[in-house]
N, C-alpha and C. Protein backbone atom coordinates (compact mmCIF):
# COMPACT_ATOMS: atom_id res chain seq x y z
N UNK A 1 6.30 -9.12 -12.85
CA UNK A 1 6.62 -7.39 -12.69
C UNK A 1 5.38 -6.93 -11.69
N UNK A 2 5.85 -6.54 -11.06
CA UNK A 2 5.08 -5.74 -10.17
C UNK A 2 3.78 -4.23 -10.80
N UNK A 3 2.18 -4.37 -10.24
CA UNK A 3 1.77 -3.10 -11.04
C UNK A 3 1.06 -1.92 -9.88
N UNK A 4 0.66 -1.06 -10.50
CA UNK A 4 0.23 -0.21 -9.55
C UNK A 4 -0.52 -0.86 -9.54
N UNK A 5 -1.62 -0.60 -7.81
CA UNK A 5 -2.55 -1.55 -6.54
C UNK A 5 -2.17 -2.56 -6.35
N UNK A 6 -1.19 -3.01 -6.38
CA UNK A 6 -0.82 -4.51 -5.96
C UNK A 6 -0.65 -4.44 -4.89
N UNK A 7 -1.18 -5.87 -4.16
CA UNK A 7 -1.03 -5.83 -2.54
C UNK A 7 -0.40 -6.72 -2.97
N UNK A 8 0.91 -6.42 -1.72
CA UNK A 8 2.48 -7.10 -1.48
C UNK A 8 2.04 -7.29 0.07
N UNK A 9 2.92 -8.23 0.28
CA UNK A 9 3.36 -8.48 1.65
C UNK A 9 5.03 -7.90 1.98
N UNK A 10 5.23 -6.81 3.02
CA UNK A 10 6.11 -6.70 2.98
C UNK A 10 6.54 -6.56 4.69
N UNK A 11 8.34 -6.39 4.64
CA UNK A 11 9.16 -6.00 5.65
C UNK A 11 9.39 -5.32 5.72
N UNK A 12 8.51 -4.15 7.09
CA UNK A 12 8.57 -2.81 7.19
C UNK A 12 10.18 -2.73 8.12
N UNK A 13 10.17 -3.87 8.93
CA UNK A 13 10.98 -3.40 10.04
C UNK A 13 10.82 -3.12 11.23
N UNK A 14 11.18 -2.92 11.95
CA UNK A 14 10.84 -2.05 13.64
C UNK A 14 10.67 -1.21 13.50
N UNK A 15 8.86 -1.11 14.02
CA UNK A 15 8.44 0.77 13.77
C UNK A 15 8.65 1.57 15.30
N UNK A 16 9.33 2.96 14.76
CA UNK A 16 9.66 3.81 15.80
C UNK A 16 8.00 4.63 15.77
N UNK A 17 8.00 5.06 17.26
CA UNK A 17 6.58 5.62 17.88
C UNK A 17 5.91 5.27 17.03
N UNK A 18 4.64 5.90 16.51
CA UNK A 18 2.94 5.24 15.30
C UNK A 18 3.65 4.76 13.94
N UNK A 19 4.85 4.61 14.05
CA UNK A 19 4.67 4.16 12.47
C UNK A 19 3.64 3.09 12.05
N UNK A 20 4.29 2.88 10.82
CA UNK A 20 4.00 1.37 10.22
C UNK A 20 4.78 0.24 10.04
N UNK A 21 4.57 -0.45 10.60
CA UNK A 21 5.96 -1.73 10.65
C UNK A 21 5.90 -3.34 11.14
N UNK A 22 6.79 -3.64 10.79
CA UNK A 22 6.93 -5.45 11.29
C UNK A 22 6.54 -5.40 9.23
N UNK A 23 5.46 -6.82 9.16
CA UNK A 23 5.33 -7.64 8.49
C UNK A 23 3.75 -7.53 8.09
N UNK A 24 3.57 -6.66 6.63
CA UNK A 24 2.41 -6.91 6.97
C UNK A 24 2.03 -6.47 5.02
N UNK A 25 1.31 -6.30 4.69
CA UNK A 25 0.04 -6.21 3.32
C UNK A 25 0.44 -4.56 2.95
N UNK A 26 0.43 -4.15 2.17
CA UNK A 26 0.73 -2.52 1.64
C UNK A 26 0.05 -2.86 -0.45
N UNK A 27 0.32 -1.56 -0.74
CA UNK A 27 -0.55 -1.34 -1.60
C UNK A 27 0.24 -1.12 -2.18
N UNK A 28 1.01 -1.08 -3.44
CA UNK A 28 1.69 -0.96 -4.25
C UNK A 28 1.24 0.56 -5.32
N UNK A 29 2.53 1.57 -5.01
CA UNK A 29 1.36 3.21 -5.49
C UNK A 29 2.48 3.54 -6.92
N UNK A 30 3.36 3.08 -7.00
CA UNK A 30 4.64 3.70 -8.04
C UNK A 30 4.16 3.54 -9.41
N UNK A 31 4.26 4.98 -9.43
CA UNK A 31 3.27 5.18 -10.88
C UNK A 31 4.21 3.63 -12.00
N UNK A 32 2.62 3.10 -12.78
CA UNK A 32 3.42 1.80 -14.48
C UNK A 32 4.51 2.49 -14.59
N UNK A 33 4.40 3.22 -14.90
CA UNK A 33 6.26 3.49 -15.98
C UNK A 33 6.86 3.35 -15.65
N UNK A 34 7.12 4.04 -14.04
CA UNK A 34 8.16 3.75 -12.64
C UNK A 34 8.79 1.75 -12.55
N UNK A 35 7.37 1.28 -12.77
CA UNK A 35 7.91 0.43 -12.54
C UNK A 35 8.51 -0.87 -13.87
N UNK A 36 7.84 -0.40 -15.09
CA UNK A 36 7.88 -1.16 -16.39
C UNK A 36 9.46 -1.32 -16.14
N UNK A 37 11.01 -0.25 -15.49
CA UNK A 37 11.56 -0.54 -15.17
C UNK A 37 12.62 -0.98 -14.50
N UNK A 38 11.67 -1.97 -13.62
CA UNK A 38 12.28 -2.73 -12.83
C UNK A 38 12.84 -2.15 -11.97
N UNK A 39 12.78 -0.83 -11.08
CA UNK A 39 13.09 -0.33 -10.35
C UNK A 39 13.43 -1.43 -8.52
N UNK A 40 14.57 -0.77 -8.08
CA UNK A 40 15.02 -1.95 -6.83
C UNK A 40 14.67 -1.11 -5.57
N UNK A 41 13.32 0.03 -5.75
CA UNK A 41 12.85 0.92 -4.91
C UNK A 41 11.67 1.23 -5.62
N UNK A 42 10.21 0.63 -4.84
CA UNK A 42 8.72 1.24 -4.99
C UNK A 42 8.63 1.51 -4.02
N UNK A 43 6.99 2.75 -3.96
CA UNK A 43 6.40 3.71 -3.16
C UNK A 43 5.44 2.34 -2.74
N UNK A 44 4.92 2.33 -1.63
CA UNK A 44 4.21 1.63 -0.66
C UNK A 44 3.06 2.03 0.37
N UNK A 45 2.08 1.79 -0.04
CA UNK A 45 0.97 2.08 1.55
C UNK A 45 0.44 0.84 2.29
N UNK A 46 1.66 0.90 3.62
CA UNK A 46 1.25 0.38 4.56
C UNK A 46 -0.66 -0.23 4.46
N UNK A 47 -1.68 -1.12 4.87
CA UNK A 47 -2.31 -2.02 5.07
C UNK A 47 -2.28 -1.98 6.78
N UNK A 48 -4.05 -1.35 7.56
CA UNK A 48 -4.16 -2.41 8.80
C UNK A 48 -5.40 -2.98 8.42
N UNK A 49 -5.53 -3.76 9.72
CA UNK A 49 -6.89 -4.26 10.49
C UNK A 49 -7.43 -3.48 11.11
N UNK A 50 -6.54 -2.83 11.95
CA UNK A 50 -7.30 -1.36 12.80
C UNK A 50 -8.35 -0.22 12.04
N UNK A 51 -9.33 -0.35 12.05
CA UNK A 51 -9.67 0.85 10.95
C UNK A 51 -10.47 2.06 12.05
N UNK A 52 -9.89 3.27 11.33
CA UNK A 52 -9.63 4.32 12.09
C UNK A 52 -10.71 5.72 11.59
N UNK A 53 -11.54 6.33 11.93
CA UNK A 53 -12.61 7.23 10.91
C UNK A 53 -11.05 8.78 10.88
N UNK A 54 -10.46 8.30 10.09
CA UNK A 54 -9.29 9.13 9.23
C UNK A 54 -9.61 10.15 7.77
N UNK A 55 -9.47 10.78 7.78
CA UNK A 55 -9.39 11.24 6.25
C UNK A 55 -7.95 10.82 5.56
N UNK A 56 -7.00 10.41 6.03
CA UNK A 56 -6.21 9.74 5.80
C UNK A 56 -5.80 7.97 5.30
N UNK A 57 -7.10 7.73 5.10
CA UNK A 57 -6.67 6.45 5.14
C UNK A 57 -8.01 6.14 4.61
N UNK A 58 -7.70 4.63 3.62
CA UNK A 58 -8.92 4.17 2.66
C UNK A 58 -9.29 2.70 3.27
N UNK A 59 -10.46 2.76 3.48
CA UNK A 59 -10.91 0.87 3.45
C UNK A 59 -10.64 0.90 3.06
N UNK A 60 -10.69 -0.66 2.58
CA UNK A 60 -10.54 -2.06 1.12
C UNK A 60 -10.72 -3.19 1.76
N UNK A 61 -12.50 -3.55 1.29
CA UNK A 61 -12.71 -5.00 1.72
C UNK A 61 -12.03 -6.05 1.11
N UNK A 62 -12.17 -6.45 1.93
CA UNK A 62 -11.14 -8.42 1.64
C UNK A 62 -12.10 -8.78 0.02
N UNK A 63 -11.65 -9.35 -0.89
CA UNK A 63 -12.17 -10.19 -1.65
C UNK A 63 -10.88 -10.88 -2.14
N UNK A 64 -11.66 -11.71 -3.31
CA UNK A 64 -10.89 -12.49 -4.23
C UNK A 64 -9.48 -11.82 -5.24
N UNK A 65 -10.16 -10.90 -5.66
CA UNK A 65 -9.42 -10.40 -6.01
C UNK A 65 -7.71 -9.33 -6.14
N UNK A 66 -8.47 -8.97 -4.52
CA UNK A 66 -7.31 -8.72 -3.96
C UNK A 66 -6.58 -9.23 -3.03
N UNK A 67 -6.97 -10.17 -2.64
CA UNK A 67 -5.97 -11.43 -1.50
C UNK A 67 -6.45 -11.19 -0.32
N UNK A 68 -6.78 -9.77 -0.11
CA UNK A 68 -6.92 -9.39 1.97
C UNK A 68 -8.00 -10.76 2.16
N UNK A 69 -8.03 -10.65 3.81
CA UNK A 69 -9.03 -11.93 4.58
C UNK A 69 -9.84 -10.96 5.32
N UNK A 70 -9.50 -9.94 5.93
CA UNK A 70 -10.17 -8.94 6.41
C UNK A 70 -10.23 -7.82 5.44
N UNK A 71 -11.30 -7.09 5.91
CA UNK A 71 -11.55 -5.84 5.53
C UNK A 71 -10.23 -5.52 6.24
N UNK A 72 -9.57 -3.97 5.77
CA UNK A 72 -8.12 -3.09 5.96
C UNK A 72 -8.34 -1.75 5.96
N UNK A 73 -7.18 -1.23 5.84
CA UNK A 73 -7.67 0.10 6.05
C UNK A 73 -6.03 0.58 5.38
N UNK A 74 -6.39 1.29 4.45
CA UNK A 74 -4.71 2.01 3.84
C UNK A 74 -4.20 3.18 4.46
N UNK A 75 -3.46 2.94 5.23
CA UNK A 75 -2.33 4.12 5.71
C UNK A 75 -1.94 4.69 4.85
N UNK A 76 -2.84 5.92 4.24
CA UNK A 76 -2.10 6.77 3.61
C UNK A 76 -0.80 7.55 3.89
N UNK A 77 -0.94 8.36 4.67
CA UNK A 77 -0.19 9.21 6.54
C UNK A 77 1.00 8.19 6.31
N UNK A 78 1.82 6.55 5.89
CA UNK A 78 2.34 6.57 6.36
C UNK A 78 3.23 5.66 4.93
N UNK A 79 2.31 6.55 3.38
CA UNK A 79 3.67 5.74 2.75
C UNK A 79 4.77 6.12 2.47
N UNK A 80 5.54 5.31 2.13
CA UNK A 80 6.88 5.70 1.81
C UNK A 80 7.46 4.21 1.50
N UNK A 81 8.81 4.98 0.46
CA UNK A 81 9.47 3.88 -0.48
C UNK A 81 10.59 2.76 0.15
N UNK A 82 10.08 1.33 -0.36
CA UNK A 82 11.22 0.44 0.08
C UNK A 82 12.00 0.01 -0.97
N UNK A 83 12.53 -0.75 -0.80
CA UNK A 83 13.39 -1.74 -1.73
C UNK A 83 12.72 -3.21 -2.45
N UNK A 84 12.92 -2.90 -3.16
CA UNK A 84 11.85 -4.24 -3.56
C UNK A 84 12.42 -5.61 -2.44
N UNK A 85 13.48 -5.76 -2.31
CA UNK A 85 13.76 -6.45 -1.80
C UNK A 85 13.09 -7.61 -0.36
N UNK A 86 12.26 -6.48 0.09
CA UNK A 86 11.62 -6.34 0.92
C UNK A 86 10.03 -6.46 1.14
N UNK A 87 9.70 -6.70 -0.32
CA UNK A 87 8.60 -7.48 -0.43
C UNK A 87 8.68 -8.83 -0.84
N UNK A 88 7.55 -9.47 -0.15
CA UNK A 88 7.71 -10.93 0.39
C UNK A 88 6.41 -12.09 -0.86
N UNK A 89 5.81 -11.37 -0.98
CA UNK A 89 4.91 -11.93 -2.10
C UNK A 89 3.78 -10.49 -2.61
N UNK A 90 3.44 -11.07 -4.30
CA UNK A 90 2.29 -10.06 -4.16
C UNK A 90 0.43 -11.08 -4.37
N UNK A 91 -0.41 -10.38 -3.73
CA UNK A 91 -1.16 -11.98 -2.89
C UNK A 91 -2.58 -11.03 -4.04
N UNK A 92 -2.61 -9.81 -4.61
CA UNK A 92 -3.39 -9.75 -5.40
C UNK A 92 -3.27 -7.70 -5.93
N UNK A 93 -5.11 -7.67 -6.41
CA UNK A 93 -4.70 -6.24 -6.54
C UNK A 93 -5.95 -5.51 -6.17
N UNK A 94 -5.83 -4.10 -5.48
CA UNK A 94 -7.34 -3.63 -5.65
C UNK A 94 -7.58 -3.54 -6.39
N UNK A 95 -7.73 -2.86 -7.98
CA UNK A 95 -8.00 -2.34 -8.86
C UNK A 95 -8.30 -1.14 -9.01
N UNK A 96 -8.54 -0.58 -9.93
CA UNK A 96 -8.32 0.67 -10.44
C UNK A 96 -9.65 1.74 -9.55
N UNK A 97 -10.57 1.40 -9.09
CA UNK A 97 -11.74 2.10 -8.26
C UNK A 97 -10.11 2.62 -6.55
N UNK A 98 -10.89 1.62 -6.12
CA UNK A 98 -9.47 1.57 -4.94
C UNK A 98 -8.11 2.38 -4.91
N UNK A 99 -7.79 2.04 -6.00
CA UNK A 99 -6.20 2.36 -6.15
C UNK A 99 -6.39 4.43 -6.14
N UNK A 100 -7.36 4.55 -7.27
CA UNK A 100 -8.09 6.27 -7.62
C UNK A 100 -8.19 7.23 -5.97
N UNK A 101 -8.96 6.08 -5.33
CA UNK A 101 -9.34 6.63 -4.04
C UNK A 101 -7.65 7.09 -2.90
N UNK A 102 -7.01 5.95 -3.06
CA UNK A 102 -6.15 5.93 -2.23
C UNK A 102 -4.66 6.68 -2.93
N UNK A 103 -4.79 6.99 -4.48
CA UNK A 103 -4.17 8.26 -4.59
C UNK A 103 -4.87 9.52 -4.29
N UNK A 104 -5.92 9.70 -4.67
CA UNK A 104 -6.71 11.03 -4.74
C UNK A 104 -5.96 11.55 -3.26
N UNK A 105 -6.12 10.49 -2.32
CA UNK A 105 -5.79 11.11 -0.53
C UNK A 105 -4.48 11.16 -0.21
N UNK A 106 -2.98 10.55 -1.30
CA UNK A 106 -2.30 11.22 -1.28
C UNK A 106 -1.83 12.30 -1.65
N UNK A 107 -2.75 12.54 -2.49
CA UNK A 107 -2.55 13.84 -2.97
C UNK A 107 -2.49 14.83 -2.38
N UNK A 108 -3.84 14.93 -1.57
CA UNK A 108 -3.73 15.81 -0.26
C UNK A 108 -3.30 15.84 0.68
N UNK A 109 -2.37 14.30 1.20
CA UNK A 109 -1.44 15.22 1.75
C UNK A 109 -0.55 15.00 1.63
N UNK A 110 0.11 14.80 0.45
CA UNK A 110 0.92 15.83 -0.46
C UNK A 110 1.23 16.86 -1.11
N UNK A 111 -0.02 18.02 -1.00
CA UNK A 111 -0.28 18.71 -1.67
C UNK A 111 0.12 18.55 -3.00
N UNK A 112 0.23 17.56 -3.54
CA UNK A 112 0.22 17.78 -5.16
C UNK A 112 -1.14 17.39 -6.41
């Protein structure tokens, strides 16, 4: 079962314009109470190795808990819903501190 903060390998398909796409890691940001219901669609924030100075992105250091191999940036501006069938593997979890940071940026972007 997926948990909030899980790092997953997801196939986002072919990108259009500046969208995040292709197969890449992403952080699951769907609420735990929703995930417990076994949804067929979840919300994810794609990760990139390209680090940019942006208020819409959160830097995540690679470590044994999250399974990332390199320092990455959570692209909160690219949050999206994906079918769980697009998820290929779970590699780890970013932990509550990083997940909280990602959620704060999402709240700012979405004005909620």
